[in-house]
Amino acid sequence: MTVLFRSKKLSKSEKLVALALAFKIDYTGVTRMTQAEIGAMASLTPKGVRTVLQRLTQKIQLEVRKEKGRNTYYFIQWAQI
């Protein structure tokens, strides 16, 4: 998580969303949350959450697996830690 805080390439909203996801991460690097849950934790609108998630998929290689009602977010670099 320290890497997320110190990152110079992430905006404030990107850091908040990444930290919200990391808050609920399991030992495999997977987080299962709704966009509403992410928005509540990061104080963002649903559209803001979607926009930030799209940017994070490129900047930190966040993999999003679409599921009905609740997506799965996978931090690819988690396996490297």
C-alpha atoms as a PDB file:
ATOM      1  CA  MET A   1       0.000   0.000   0.000  1.00  0.00           C
ATOM      2  CA  THR A   2       2.905   2.334   0.612  1.00  0.00           C
ATOM      3  CA  VAL A   3       3.738   2.158  -3.083  1.00  0.00           C
ATOM      4  CA  LEU A   4       0.261   3.485  -3.898  1.00  0.00           C
ATOM      5  CA  PHE A   5       0.612   6.400  -1.460  1.00  0.00           C
ATOM      6  CA  ARG A   6       3.994   7.416  -2.843  1.00  0.00           C
ATOM      7  CA  SER A   7       3.205   6.973  -6.523  1.00  0.00           C
ATOM      8  CA  LYS A   8       3.865  10.120  -8.548  1.00  0.00           C
ATOM      9  CA  LYS A   9       2.014   8.860 -11.620  1.00  0.00           C
ATOM     10  CA  LEU A  10      -1.386   8.441  -9.910  1.00  0.00           C
ATOM     11  CA  SER A  11      -3.853  11.272  -9.347  1.00  0.00           C
ATOM     12  CA  LYS A  12      -5.546  11.750  -5.979  1.00  0.00           C
ATOM     13  CA  SER A  13      -8.733  10.022  -7.119  1.00  0.00           C
ATOM     14  CA  GLU A  14      -6.753   7.128  -8.611  1.00  0.00           C
ATOM     15  CA  LYS A  15      -4.939   6.677  -5.299  1.00  0.00           C
ATOM     16  CA  LEU A  16      -8.234   6.693  -3.386  1.00  0.00           C
ATOM     17  CA  VAL A  17      -9.793   4.039  -5.624  1.00  0.00           C
ATOM     18  CA  ALA A  18      -6.647   1.876  -5.594  1.00  0.00           C
ATOM     19  CA  LEU A  19      -6.493   2.107  -1.794  1.00  0.00           C
ATOM     20  CA  ALA A  20     -10.204   1.288  -1.479  1.00  0.00           C
ATOM     21  CA  LEU A  21      -9.604  -1.827  -3.574  1.00  0.00           C
ATOM     22  CA  ALA A  22      -6.469  -2.720  -1.611  1.00  0.00           C
ATOM     23  CA  PHE A  23      -8.405  -2.359   1.647  1.00  0.00           C
ATOM     24  CA  LYS A  24     -10.512  -5.407   0.738  1.00  0.00           C
ATOM     25  CA  ILE A  25      -7.823  -7.415  -1.053  1.00  0.00           C
ATOM     26  CA  ASP A  26      -7.363 -11.113  -0.289  1.00  0.00           C
ATOM     27  CA  TYR A  27      -4.127 -13.091  -0.158  1.00  0.00           C
ATOM     28  CA  THR A  28      -4.238 -13.771  -3.921  1.00  0.00           C
ATOM     29  CA  GLY A  29      -4.439 -10.110  -4.923  1.00  0.00           C
ATOM     30  CA  VAL A  30      -8.161 -10.221  -5.712  1.00  0.00           C
ATOM     31  CA  THR A  31     -10.828  -7.773  -4.566  1.00  0.00           C
ATOM     32  CA  ARG A  32     -14.564  -8.239  -5.106  1.00  0.00           C
ATOM     33  CA  MET A  33     -16.508  -5.013  -4.726  1.00  0.00           C
ATOM     34  CA  THR A  34     -19.358  -3.176  -6.398  1.00  0.00           C
ATOM     35  CA  GLN A  35     -18.676   0.191  -7.952  1.00  0.00           C
ATOM     36  CA  ALA A  36     -21.073   1.659  -5.370  1.00  0.00           C
ATOM     37  CA  GLU A  37     -18.885   0.279  -2.561  1.00  0.00           C
ATOM     38  CA  ILE A  38     -15.767   1.699  -4.191  1.00  0.00           C
ATOM     39  CA  GLY A  39     -17.480   5.054  -4.692  1.00  0.00           C
ATOM     40  CA  ALA A  40     -18.571   5.196  -1.059  1.00  0.00           C
ATOM     41  CA  MET A  41     -15.049   4.475   0.174  1.00  0.00           C
ATOM     42  CA  ALA A  42     -13.389   6.912  -2.252  1.00  0.00           C
ATOM     43  CA  SER A  43     -16.120   9.595  -2.135  1.00  0.00           C
ATOM     44  CA  LEU A  44     -16.651   9.452  -5.897  1.00  0.00           C
ATOM     45  CA  THR A  45     -19.722   9.348  -8.125  1.00  0.00           C
ATOM     46  CA  PRO A  46     -20.455   6.157 -10.097  1.00  0.00           C
ATOM     47  CA  LYS A  47     -19.201   7.822 -13.292  1.00  0.00           C
ATOM     48  CA  GLY A  48     -16.059   8.959 -11.468  1.00  0.00           C
ATOM     49  CA  VAL A  49     -15.402   5.404 -10.273  1.00  0.00           C
ATOM     50  CA  ARG A  50     -15.777   4.002 -13.800  1.00  0.00           C
ATOM     51  CA  THR A  51     -13.427   6.639 -15.230  1.00  0.00           C
ATOM     52  CA  VAL A  52     -10.786   6.056 -12.564  1.00  0.00           C
ATOM     53  CA  LEU A  53     -10.984   2.263 -12.925  1.00  0.00           C
ATOM     54  CA  GLN A  54     -10.378   2.591 -16.666  1.00  0.00           C
ATOM     55  CA  ARG A  55      -7.285   4.698 -16.024  1.00  0.00           C
ATOM     56  CA  LEU A  56      -6.000   2.306 -13.350  1.00  0.00           C
ATOM     57  CA  THR A  57      -6.213  -0.649 -15.734  1.00  0.00           C
ATOM     58  CA  GLN A  58      -3.564   1.104 -17.799  1.00  0.00           C
ATOM     59  CA  LYS A  59      -1.443   2.751 -15.116  1.00  0.00           C
ATOM     60  CA  ILE A  60      -1.072  -0.053 -12.565  1.00  0.00           C
ATOM     61  CA  GLN A  61      -2.154  -3.021 -14.654  1.00  0.00           C
ATOM     62  CA  LEU A  62      -5.352  -3.556 -12.710  1.00  0.00           C
ATOM     63  CA  GLU A  63      -7.317  -6.380 -14.308  1.00  0.00           C
ATOM     64  CA  VAL A  64     -11.110  -6.073 -14.171  1.00  0.00           C
ATOM     65  CA  ARG A  65     -13.203  -9.215 -14.549  1.00  0.00           C
ATOM     66  CA  LYS A  66     -16.826  -8.301 -15.183  1.00  0.00           C
ATOM     67  CA  GLU A  67     -19.399 -10.249 -13.223  1.00  0.00           C
ATOM     68  CA  LYS A  68     -23.083  -9.742 -12.623  1.00  0.00           C
ATOM     69  CA  GLY A  69     -23.539  -7.234  -9.810  1.00  0.00           C
ATOM     70  CA  ARG A  70     -19.985  -7.338  -8.487  1.00  0.00           C
ATOM     71  CA  ASN A  71     -16.759  -7.162 -10.438  1.00  0.00           C
ATOM     72  CA  THR A  72     -13.508  -8.840  -9.536  1.00  0.00           C
ATOM     73  CA  TYR A  73     -10.405  -6.671  -9.512  1.00  0.00           C
ATOM     74  CA  TYR A  74      -7.014  -8.327  -9.723  1.00  0.00           C
ATOM     75  CA  PHE A  75      -3.762  -6.547  -8.938  1.00  0.00           C
ATOM     76  CA  ILE A  76      -1.460  -8.246 -11.433  1.00  0.00           C
ATOM     77  CA  GLN A  77       1.688  -7.054  -9.645  1.00  0.00           C
ATOM     78  CA  TRP A  78       0.509  -8.743  -6.422  1.00  0.00           C
ATOM     79  CA  ALA A  79       2.103 -11.992  -7.637  1.00  0.00           C
ATOM     80  CA  GLN A  80       5.445 -10.169  -7.870  1.00  0.00           C
ATOM     81  CA  ILE A  81       5.419  -9.066  -4.224  1.00  0.00           C
END
